C-alpha atoms as a PDB file:
ATOM      1  CA  MET A   1      92.187 142.366  82.693  1.00  0.00           C
ATOM      2  CA  LEU A   2      94.526 139.364  82.834  1.00  0.00           C
ATOM      3  CA  ASN A   3      93.482 136.857  85.491  1.00  0.00           C
ATOM      4  CA  LEU A   4      96.613 136.125  87.513  1.00  0.00           C
ATOM      5  CA  ARG A   5      94.980 133.810  90.062  1.00  0.00           C
ATOM      6  CA  PRO A   6      95.835 130.530  88.238  1.00  0.00           C
ATOM      7  CA  LEU A   7      99.454 131.636  87.814  1.00  0.00           C
ATOM      8  CA  LEU A   8      99.694 132.705  91.446  1.00  0.00           C
ATOM      9  CA  SER A   9      98.136 129.408  92.538  1.00  0.00           C
ATOM     10  CA  PHE A  10     100.779 127.406  90.670  1.00  0.00           C
ATOM     11  CA  THR A  11     103.582 129.713  91.867  1.00  0.00           C
ATOM     12  CA  CYS A  12     102.502 129.464  95.503  1.00  0.00           C
ATOM     13  CA  LEU A  13     102.165 125.692  95.265  1.00  0.00           C
ATOM     14  CA  LEU A  14     105.617 125.397  93.719  1.00  0.00           C
ATOM     15  CA  LEU A  15     107.242 127.604  96.361  1.00  0.00           C
ATOM     16  CA  ILE A  16     105.480 125.937  99.298  1.00  0.00           C
ATOM     17  CA  THR A  17     106.182 122.422  98.100  1.00  0.00           C
ATOM     18  CA  THR A  18     109.712 122.768  96.807  1.00  0.00           C
ATOM     19  CA  SER A  19     110.913 124.792  99.800  1.00  0.00           C
ATOM     20  CA  ALA A  20     111.194 121.501 101.679  1.00  0.00           C
ATOM     21  CA  ILE A  21     112.604 119.394  98.847  1.00  0.00           C
ATOM     22  CA  ALA A  22     116.262 119.927  99.526  1.00  0.00           C
ATOM     23  CA  ALA A  23     117.162 116.336 100.339  1.00  0.00           C
ATOM     24  CA  LYS A  24     118.831 114.162  97.757  1.00  0.00           C
ATOM     25  CA  PRO A  25     117.064 110.955  96.783  1.00  0.00           C
ATOM     26  CA  GLU A  26     118.188 107.874  98.641  1.00  0.00           C
ATOM     27  CA  GLY A  27     119.427 104.822  96.762  1.00  0.00           C
ATOM     28  CA  LYS A  28     121.123 103.982  93.496  1.00  0.00           C
ATOM     29  CA  PRO A  29     119.453 105.573  90.432  1.00  0.00           C
ATOM     30  CA  THR A  30     117.869 103.152  87.997  1.00  0.00           C
ATOM     31  CA  VAL A  31     116.553 104.103  84.568  1.00  0.00           C
ATOM     32  CA  TYR A  32     112.932 103.050  84.169  1.00  0.00           C
ATOM     33  CA  LYS A  33     112.171 104.871  80.932  1.00  0.00           C
ATOM     34  CA  THR A  34     113.879 106.771  78.119  1.00  0.00           C
ATOM     35  CA  VAL A  35     112.096 109.609  76.303  1.00  0.00           C
ATOM     36  CA  GLY A  36     114.099 110.899  73.352  1.00  0.00           C
ATOM     37  CA  ASP A  37     117.585 111.396  74.760  1.00  0.00           C
ATOM     38  CA  ARG A  38     116.394 111.807  78.346  1.00  0.00           C
ATOM     39  CA  GLU A  39     116.655 109.003  80.867  1.00  0.00           C
ATOM     40  CA  LEU A  40     114.097 109.033  83.657  1.00  0.00           C
ATOM     41  CA  LYS A  41     115.288 107.477  86.886  1.00  0.00           C
ATOM     42  CA  LEU A  42     113.884 106.059  90.070  1.00  0.00           C
ATOM     43  CA  TYR A  43     115.685 105.637  93.372  1.00  0.00           C
ATOM     44  CA  VAL A  44     115.249 102.521  95.503  1.00  0.00           C
ATOM     45  CA  THR A  45     115.777 102.441  99.262  1.00  0.00           C
ATOM     46  CA  LYS A  46     116.022  98.946 100.716  1.00  0.00           C
ATOM     47  CA  PRO A  47     116.088  97.653 104.288  1.00  0.00           C
ATOM     48  CA  ALA A  48     119.533  96.913 105.689  1.00  0.00           C
ATOM     49  CA  ASP A  49     118.787  93.175 105.752  1.00  0.00           C
ATOM     50  CA  TRP A  50     117.219  93.090 102.283  1.00  0.00           C
ATOM     51  CA  LYS A  51     117.673  89.942 100.185  1.00  0.00           C
ATOM     52  CA  LYS A  52     116.696  89.354  96.573  1.00  0.00           C
ATOM     53  CA  THR A  53     114.595  86.398  97.678  1.00  0.00           C
ATOM     54  CA  ASP A  54     112.428  88.653  99.874  1.00  0.00           C
ATOM     55  CA  SER A  55     108.769  89.430  99.211  1.00  0.00           C
ATOM     56  CA  ARG A  56     108.354  92.712 101.039  1.00  0.00           C
ATOM     57  CA  PRO A  57     105.725  95.443 100.871  1.00  0.00           C
ATOM     58  CA  ALA A  58     106.765  98.511  98.915  1.00  0.00           C
ATOM     59  CA  ILE A  59     105.771 102.127  98.340  1.00  0.00           C
ATOM     60  CA  VAL A  60     106.326 104.306  95.268  1.00  0.00           C
ATOM     61  CA  PHE A  61     106.670 108.028  96.068  1.00  0.00           C
ATOM     62  CA  PHE A  62     106.010 110.999  93.767  1.00  0.00           C
ATOM     63  CA  HIS A  63     107.303 114.458  94.680  1.00  0.00           C
ATOM     64  CA  GLY A  64     105.242 117.636  94.644  1.00  0.00           C
ATOM     65  CA  GLY A  65     105.778 120.891  92.782  1.00  0.00           C
ATOM     66  CA  GLY A  66     102.582 121.745  90.926  1.00  0.00           C
ATOM     67  CA  TRP A  67     103.492 119.420  88.005  1.00  0.00           C
ATOM     68  CA  VAL A  68     106.006 122.118  87.006  1.00  0.00           C
ATOM     69  CA  GLY A  69     108.787 121.781  89.596  1.00  0.00           C
ATOM     70  CA  GLY A  70     110.391 119.635  92.253  1.00  0.00           C
ATOM     71  CA  ALA A  71     112.570 116.551  92.042  1.00  0.00           C
ATOM     72  CA  PRO A  72     112.995 113.201  93.783  1.00  0.00           C
ATOM     73  CA  GLY A  73     114.168 113.744  97.355  1.00  0.00           C
ATOM     74  CA  GLN A  74     111.069 115.055  99.090  1.00  0.00           C
ATOM     75  CA  PHE A  75     110.394 111.602 100.529  1.00  0.00           C
ATOM     76  CA  THR A  76     113.937 110.543 101.334  1.00  0.00           C
ATOM     77  CA  GLU A  77     113.362 110.610 105.080  1.00  0.00           C
ATOM     78  CA  HIS A  78     110.052 108.797 104.691  1.00  0.00           C
ATOM     79  CA  SER A  79     111.844 106.180 102.593  1.00  0.00           C
ATOM     80  CA  LYS A  80     114.612 105.699 105.136  1.00  0.00           C
ATOM     81  CA  HIS A  81     112.049 105.387 107.909  1.00  0.00           C
ATOM     82  CA  LEU A  82     109.905 102.832 106.094  1.00  0.00           C
ATOM     83  CA  ALA A  83     112.983 100.853 105.047  1.00  0.00           C
ATOM     84  CA  GLU A  84     113.727 100.489 108.753  1.00  0.00           C
ATOM     85  CA  GLN A  85     110.222  99.033 109.098  1.00  0.00           C
ATOM     86  CA  GLY A  86     110.986  96.451 106.411  1.00  0.00           C
ATOM     87  CA  MET A  87     109.597  98.100 103.280  1.00  0.00           C
ATOM     88  CA  VAL A  88     111.249  98.744  99.912  1.00  0.00           C
ATOM     89  CA  CYS A  89     110.762 102.397  98.935  1.00  0.00           C
ATOM     90  CA  VAL A  90     110.974 104.010  95.503  1.00  0.00           C
ATOM     91  CA  GLN A  91     111.199 107.713  94.605  1.00  0.00           C
ATOM     92  CA  VAL A  92     110.291 108.580  91.018  1.00  0.00           C
ATOM     93  CA  GLU A  93     111.613 111.195  88.634  1.00  0.00           C
ATOM     94  CA  TYR A  94     108.963 112.313  86.137  1.00  0.00           C
ATOM     95  CA  ARG A  95     108.788 114.905  83.382  1.00  0.00           C
ATOM     96  CA  LEU A  96     107.535 118.352  84.358  1.00  0.00           C
ATOM     97  CA  LEU A  97     105.170 120.672  82.546  1.00  0.00           C
ATOM     98  CA  ASP A  98     106.280 123.950  80.998  1.00  0.00           C
ATOM     99  CA  LYS A  99     105.273 126.828  83.264  1.00  0.00           C
ATOM    100  CA  LYS A 100     104.794 129.019  80.178  1.00  0.00           C
ATOM    101  CA  ASN A 101     101.755 127.128  78.894  1.00  0.00           C
ATOM    102  CA  ASN A 102      98.636 125.469  80.253  1.00  0.00           C
ATOM    103  CA  ASP A 103      99.124 121.932  78.977  1.00  0.00           C
ATOM    104  CA  PRO A 104      97.332 119.200  80.956  1.00  0.00           C
ATOM    105  CA  PRO A 105      99.573 116.849  82.994  1.00  0.00           C
ATOM    106  CA  VAL A 106      99.662 114.105  80.367  1.00  0.00           C
ATOM    107  CA  ILE A 107     103.431 113.552  80.526  1.00  0.00           C
ATOM    108  CA  CYS A 108     103.305 113.431  84.327  1.00  0.00           C
ATOM    109  CA  THR A 109     100.618 110.752  84.404  1.00  0.00           C
ATOM    110  CA  GLU A 110     102.300 108.813  81.590  1.00  0.00           C
ATOM    111  CA  ASP A 111     105.534 108.672  83.562  1.00  0.00           C
ATOM    112  CA  ALA A 112     103.727 107.734  86.775  1.00  0.00           C
ATOM    113  CA  LEU A 113     102.042 104.836  84.977  1.00  0.00           C
ATOM    114  CA  ASP A 114     105.306 103.664  83.436  1.00  0.00           C
ATOM    115  CA  ALA A 115     107.153 103.900  86.745  1.00  0.00           C
ATOM    116  CA  MET A 116     104.504 101.825  88.502  1.00  0.00           C
ATOM    117  CA  LYS A 117     104.524  99.298  85.684  1.00  0.00           C
ATOM    118  CA  TRP A 118     108.330  99.053  85.913  1.00  0.00           C
ATOM    119  CA  VAL A 119     108.271  98.515  89.669  1.00  0.00           C
ATOM    120  CA  ARG A 120     105.623  95.798  89.528  1.00  0.00           C
ATOM    121  CA  SER A 121     107.246  94.039  86.563  1.00  0.00           C
ATOM    122  CA  HIS A 122     110.576  94.028  88.433  1.00  0.00           C
ATOM    123  CA  ALA A 123     109.068  92.946  91.746  1.00  0.00           C
ATOM    124  CA  LYS A 124     111.063  89.727  91.929  1.00  0.00           C
ATOM    125  CA  GLU A 125     114.457  91.380  91.510  1.00  0.00           C
ATOM    126  CA  LEU A 126     113.445  94.174  93.905  1.00  0.00           C
ATOM    127  CA  GLY A 127     112.470  91.606  96.525  1.00  0.00           C
ATOM    128  CA  ILE A 128     108.924  92.938  96.824  1.00  0.00           C
ATOM    129  CA  ASP A 129     105.442  91.471  96.833  1.00  0.00           C
ATOM    130  CA  PRO A 130     103.642  92.661  93.654  1.00  0.00           C
ATOM    131  CA  ASP A 131     100.350  92.543  95.565  1.00  0.00           C
ATOM    132  CA  ARG A 132     101.579  94.880  98.306  1.00  0.00           C
ATOM    133  CA  ILE A 133     102.707  98.022  96.498  1.00  0.00           C
ATOM    134  CA  ALA A 134     101.437 101.381  97.716  1.00  0.00           C
ATOM    135  CA  THR A 135     101.698 104.776  96.082  1.00  0.00           C
ATOM    136  CA  GLY A 136     102.550 107.874  98.062  1.00  0.00           C
ATOM    137  CA  GLY A 137     103.068 111.523  97.301  1.00  0.00           C
ATOM    138  CA  GLY A 138     102.564 115.127  98.270  1.00  0.00           C
ATOM    139  CA  SER A 139     100.542 117.830  96.536  1.00  0.00           C
ATOM    140  CA  ALA A 140     100.900 117.264  92.754  1.00  0.00           C
ATOM    141  CA  GLY A 141     102.771 114.062  93.620  1.00  0.00           C
ATOM    142  CA  GLY A 142      99.793 113.128  95.766  1.00  0.00           C
ATOM    143  CA  HIS A 143      97.648 113.670  92.689  1.00  0.00           C
ATOM    144  CA  LEU A 144      99.798 111.189  90.732  1.00  0.00           C
ATOM    145  CA  ALA A 145      99.685 108.661  93.579  1.00  0.00           C
ATOM    146  CA  ALA A 146      95.889 108.974  93.750  1.00  0.00           C
ATOM    147  CA  TYR A 147      95.557 108.985  89.950  1.00  0.00           C
ATOM    148  CA  LEU A 148      97.169 105.552  89.797  1.00  0.00           C
ATOM    149  CA  GLY A 149      94.750 104.250  92.397  1.00  0.00           C
ATOM    150  CA  THR A 150      91.527 105.624  90.946  1.00  0.00           C
ATOM    151  CA  VAL A 151      91.604 106.404  87.216  1.00  0.00           C
ATOM    152  CA  ASP A 152      90.722 103.287  85.216  1.00  0.00           C
ATOM    153  CA  GLN A 153      93.418 102.280  82.713  1.00  0.00           C
ATOM    154  CA  GLY A 154      91.443  99.426  81.190  1.00  0.00           C
ATOM    155  CA  LYS A 155      92.767  95.922  80.812  1.00  0.00           C
ATOM    156  CA  GLN A 156      96.528  95.761  81.338  1.00  0.00           C
ATOM    157  CA  GLU A 157      99.055  92.952  81.153  1.00  0.00           C
ATOM    158  CA  ILE A 158     100.818  94.473  84.164  1.00  0.00           C
ATOM    159  CA  SER A 159      98.536  96.418  86.497  1.00  0.00           C
ATOM    160  CA  THR A 160      99.517  99.970  87.443  1.00  0.00           C
ATOM    161  CA  LYS A 161      96.950 100.126  90.241  1.00  0.00           C
ATOM    162  CA  PRO A 162      98.467 100.290  93.725  1.00  0.00           C
ATOM    163  CA  ASN A 163      97.256  98.248  96.669  1.00  0.00           C
ATOM    164  CA  ALA A 164      97.154 101.240  99.023  1.00  0.00           C
ATOM    165  CA  MET A 165      97.595 105.031  98.870  1.00  0.00           C
ATOM    166  CA  VAL A 166      99.395 107.356 101.289  1.00  0.00           C
ATOM    167  CA  LEU A 167      98.452 110.911 100.284  1.00  0.00           C
ATOM    168  CA  PHE A 168      99.912 114.109 101.725  1.00  0.00           C
ATOM    169  CA  ASN A 169      97.808 117.209 100.904  1.00  0.00           C
ATOM    170  CA  PRO A 170      97.033 115.737  97.467  1.00  0.00           C
ATOM    171  CA  VAL A 171      95.531 117.986  94.785  1.00  0.00           C
ATOM    172  CA  TYR A 172      93.183 115.154  93.856  1.00  0.00           C
ATOM    173  CA  ASP A 173      90.120 117.161  92.839  1.00  0.00           C
ATOM    174  CA  ASN A 174      90.844 118.621  89.402  1.00  0.00           C
ATOM    175  CA  GLY A 175      87.230 119.318  88.526  1.00  0.00           C
ATOM    176  CA  PRO A 176      85.571 122.672  87.772  1.00  0.00           C
ATOM    177  CA  GLU A 177      85.798 123.714  91.439  1.00  0.00           C
ATOM    178  CA  GLY A 178      89.096 121.993  92.158  1.00  0.00           C
ATOM    179  CA  TRP A 179      92.807 122.633  91.665  1.00  0.00           C
ATOM    180  CA  GLY A 180      94.486 122.544  88.242  1.00  0.00           C
ATOM    181  CA  LYS A 181      91.299 123.303  86.320  1.00  0.00           C
ATOM    182  CA  GLN A 182      93.135 125.849  84.161  1.00  0.00           C
ATOM    183  CA  ARG A 183      95.219 122.976  82.795  1.00  0.00           C
ATOM    184  CA  VAL A 184      92.764 120.096  82.584  1.00  0.00           C
ATOM    185  CA  LYS A 185      89.749 122.272  81.594  1.00  0.00           C
ATOM    186  CA  ASP A 186      86.856 120.073  80.386  1.00  0.00           C
ATOM    187  CA  ARG A 187      89.130 116.998  80.375  1.00  0.00           C
ATOM    188  CA  TYR A 188      89.098 116.793  84.185  1.00  0.00           C
ATOM    189  CA  LYS A 189      87.499 113.341  84.246  1.00  0.00           C
ATOM    190  CA  GLU A 190      90.658 111.994  82.562  1.00  0.00           C
ATOM    191  CA  PHE A 191      92.847 113.238  85.415  1.00  0.00           C
ATOM    192  CA  SER A 192      90.827 113.882  88.576  1.00  0.00           C
ATOM    193  CA  PRO A 193      90.947 111.088  91.185  1.00  0.00           C
ATOM    194  CA  ALA A 194      87.941 112.596  92.962  1.00  0.00           C
ATOM    195  CA  HIS A 195      85.872 112.041  89.830  1.00  0.00           C
ATOM    196  CA  ASN A 196      86.975 108.422  89.322  1.00  0.00           C
ATOM    197  CA  ILE A 197      86.185 106.740  92.626  1.00  0.00           C
ATOM    198  CA  SER A 198      85.059 103.124  92.324  1.00  0.00           C
ATOM    199  CA  ALA A 199      84.736  99.957  94.381  1.00  0.00           C
ATOM    200  CA  ASP A 200      88.047  98.510  93.157  1.00  0.00           C
ATOM    201  CA  ASP A 201      90.126 101.428  94.457  1.00  0.00           C
ATOM    202  CA  PRO A 202      92.711 100.676  97.159  1.00  0.00           C
ATOM    203  CA  PRO A 203      92.444 101.811 100.793  1.00  0.00           C
ATOM    204  CA  SER A 204      93.932 105.205 101.511  1.00  0.00           C
ATOM    205  CA  ILE A 205      95.019 107.655 104.165  1.00  0.00           C
ATOM    206  CA  VAL A 206      95.037 111.407 103.534  1.00  0.00           C
ATOM    207  CA  PHE A 207      96.896 114.080 105.513  1.00  0.00           C
ATOM    208  CA  LEU A 208      95.746 117.693 105.271  1.00  0.00           C
ATOM    209  CA  GLY A 209      96.238 120.969 107.113  1.00  0.00           C
ATOM    210  CA  SER A 210      93.057 122.800 108.117  1.00  0.00           C
ATOM    211  CA  GLU A 211      94.488 126.043 106.691  1.00  0.00           C
ATOM    212  CA  ASP A 212      95.588 124.610 103.335  1.00  0.00           C
ATOM    213  CA  LYS A 213      94.802 127.355 100.802  1.00  0.00           C
ATOM    214  CA  LEU A 214      94.744 124.962  97.855  1.00  0.00           C
ATOM    215  CA  ILE A 215      92.719 122.030  99.187  1.00  0.00           C
ATOM    216  CA  PRO A 216      89.644 122.770 101.314  1.00  0.00           C
ATOM    217  CA  VAL A 217      88.924 120.364 104.153  1.00  0.00           C
ATOM    218  CA  SER A 218      85.492 119.912 102.572  1.00  0.00           C
ATOM    219  CA  THR A 219      87.178 118.434  99.482  1.00  0.00           C
ATOM    220  CA  ALA A 220      89.031 115.870 101.608  1.00  0.00           C
ATOM    221  CA  LYS A 221      85.897 114.986 103.562  1.00  0.00           C
ATOM    222  CA  ARG A 222      83.920 114.526 100.358  1.00  0.00           C
ATOM    223  CA  PHE A 223      86.628 112.254  98.931  1.00  0.00           C
ATOM    224  CA  GLN A 224      86.566 110.169 102.100  1.00  0.00           C
ATOM    225  CA  GLU A 225      82.767 109.951 102.104  1.00  0.00           C
ATOM    226  CA  GLU A 226      82.612 108.908  98.446  1.00  0.00           C
ATOM    227  CA  MET A 227      85.329 106.301  98.927  1.00  0.00           C
ATOM    228  CA  LYS A 228      83.440 104.830 101.869  1.00  0.00           C
ATOM    229  CA  ALA A 229      80.184 104.917  99.872  1.00  0.00           C
ATOM    230  CA  ALA A 230      81.981 102.816  97.254  1.00  0.00           C
ATOM    231  CA  GLY A 231      82.953 100.341  99.964  1.00  0.00           C
ATOM    232  CA  VAL A 232      86.599 101.410 100.169  1.00  0.00           C
ATOM    233  CA  ASN A 233      88.347 102.235 103.438  1.00  0.00           C
ATOM    234  CA  SER A 234      89.633 105.815 103.419  1.00  0.00           C
ATOM    235  CA  GLU A 235      91.122 107.551 106.436  1.00  0.00           C
ATOM    236  CA  LEU A 236      91.539 111.314 106.857  1.00  0.00           C
ATOM    237  CA  ARG A 237      93.793 113.175 109.270  1.00  0.00           C
ATOM    238  CA  VAL A 238      93.316 116.951 109.506  1.00  0.00           C
ATOM    239  CA  TYR A 239      95.898 119.041 111.376  1.00  0.00           C
ATOM    240  CA  GLU A 240      94.577 122.258 112.860  1.00  0.00           C
ATOM    241  CA  GLY A 241      96.215 125.500 111.823  1.00  0.00           C
ATOM    242  CA  GLN A 242      98.537 123.891 109.284  1.00  0.00           C
ATOM    243  CA  GLY A 243      98.970 124.931 105.662  1.00  0.00           C
ATOM    244  CA  HIS A 244     100.148 123.285 102.472  1.00  0.00           C
ATOM    245  CA  GLY A 245     103.350 121.242 102.796  1.00  0.00           C
ATOM    246  CA  PHE A 246     103.196 121.188 106.600  1.00  0.00           C
ATOM    247  CA  PHE A 247     104.207 117.515 106.730  1.00  0.00           C
ATOM    248  CA  ASN A 248     107.607 117.881 105.061  1.00  0.00           C
ATOM    249  CA  HIS A 249     110.711 116.774 106.911  1.00  0.00           C
ATOM    250  CA  GLY A 250     112.620 119.745 108.306  1.00  0.00           C
ATOM    251  CA  LYS A 251     109.597 121.959 108.971  1.00  0.00           C
ATOM    252  CA  SER A 252     108.431 123.015 112.466  1.00  0.00           C
ATOM    253  CA  ASN A 253     111.250 121.041 114.097  1.00  0.00           C
ATOM    254  CA  ASN A 254     109.740 117.939 112.462  1.00  0.00           C
ATOM    255  CA  ARG A 255     106.679 118.023 114.709  1.00  0.00           C
ATOM    256  CA  TRP A 256     104.235 117.406 111.871  1.00  0.00           C
ATOM    257  CA  TYR A 257     106.567 115.098 109.994  1.00  0.00           C
ATOM    258  CA  ASN A 258     106.776 112.911 113.095  1.00  0.00           C
ATOM    259  CA  GLU A 259     103.030 113.016 113.749  1.00  0.00           C
ATOM    260  CA  THR A 260     102.072 112.171 110.166  1.00  0.00           C
ATOM    261  CA  VAL A 261     104.682 109.412 109.943  1.00  0.00           C
ATOM    262  CA  GLN A 262     103.254 107.885 113.105  1.00  0.00           C
ATOM    263  CA  GLU A 263      99.788 107.852 111.548  1.00  0.00           C
ATOM    264  CA  MET A 264     101.209 106.484 108.294  1.00  0.00           C
ATOM    265  CA  ASP A 265     102.769 103.637 110.264  1.00  0.00           C
ATOM    266  CA  LYS A 266      99.439 102.877 111.964  1.00  0.00           C
ATOM    267  CA  PHE A 267      97.708 102.755 108.579  1.00  0.00           C
ATOM    268  CA  LEU A 268     100.311 100.408 107.091  1.00  0.00           C
ATOM    269  CA  THR A 269     100.210  98.278 110.230  1.00  0.00           C
ATOM    270  CA  SER A 270      96.414  97.984 109.878  1.00  0.00           C
ATOM    271  CA  LEU A 271      97.030  96.508 106.418  1.00  0.00           C
ATOM    272  CA  GLY A 272      99.456  93.999 107.902  1.00  0.00           C
ATOM    273  CA  TRP A 273     102.331  95.445 105.887  1.00  0.00           C
ATOM    274  CA  ILE A 274     104.593  96.535 108.732  1.00  0.00           C
ATOM    275  CA  SER A 275     105.029  95.735 112.408  1.00  0.00           C
ATOM    276  CA  SER A 276     107.857  95.623 114.873  1.00  0.00           C
ATOM    277  CA  GLY A 277     110.626  93.645 113.181  1.00  0.00           C
ATOM    278  CA  SER A 278     108.507  93.245 110.006  1.00  0.00           C
ATOM    279  CA  LYS A 279     110.202  91.836 106.904  1.00  0.00           C
END
């Protein structure tokens, strides 16, 4: 009998995640990469008093959608909020996998790496500090944000490793018992952040609903414990009774959006990246 569980898992993830991605991306589109005849864009949101001579903290957001759906826009409200706190925010468009096959997310990770490389290499013209760039994302976008922070890329002329990670229900365990195993199969160590934790990883904060059907709380606790064992600060916020995608703007009268944003602000403040009137 055909096993439909992997297909249903991807379908549910896509529906849950993309149901809240109705917003358009904020900022002027900028091409960061061309693949064949397709231009991949990123969208930059800047503070109202931004100047090219600035050296501000920044965050690069990746949308969710199971690697097969979604589009930039999921983090538009987050970007507008953080821009008000003095940060430069970037939302990334990346190539999506074909739902008809089980290819691993190679094109997704390639685009995430290239987007991060573009942002850091253009730090001066973006008015950002190249040593204060975070990654952020939700679900499969959270995987990409965590992938950049954990999976070793070897020696690079321009580092793609972020300086902090803000992860919303990230599918960051892709191992034999984790999410996405039908795509990564025995190559999970190439893609799974949970299997690539090391002492040089950046500090992180993770947001998760206790009733998330795709990411057990035990997975998030284990990630936190292993990060701390490696000497890396990792914070975890679990929200009782909440499922996958609970944090998205527009859901539950923005109760959980507001609560998670408040905790995100505290985390970034603890790094010294934002504060009242921060530039």
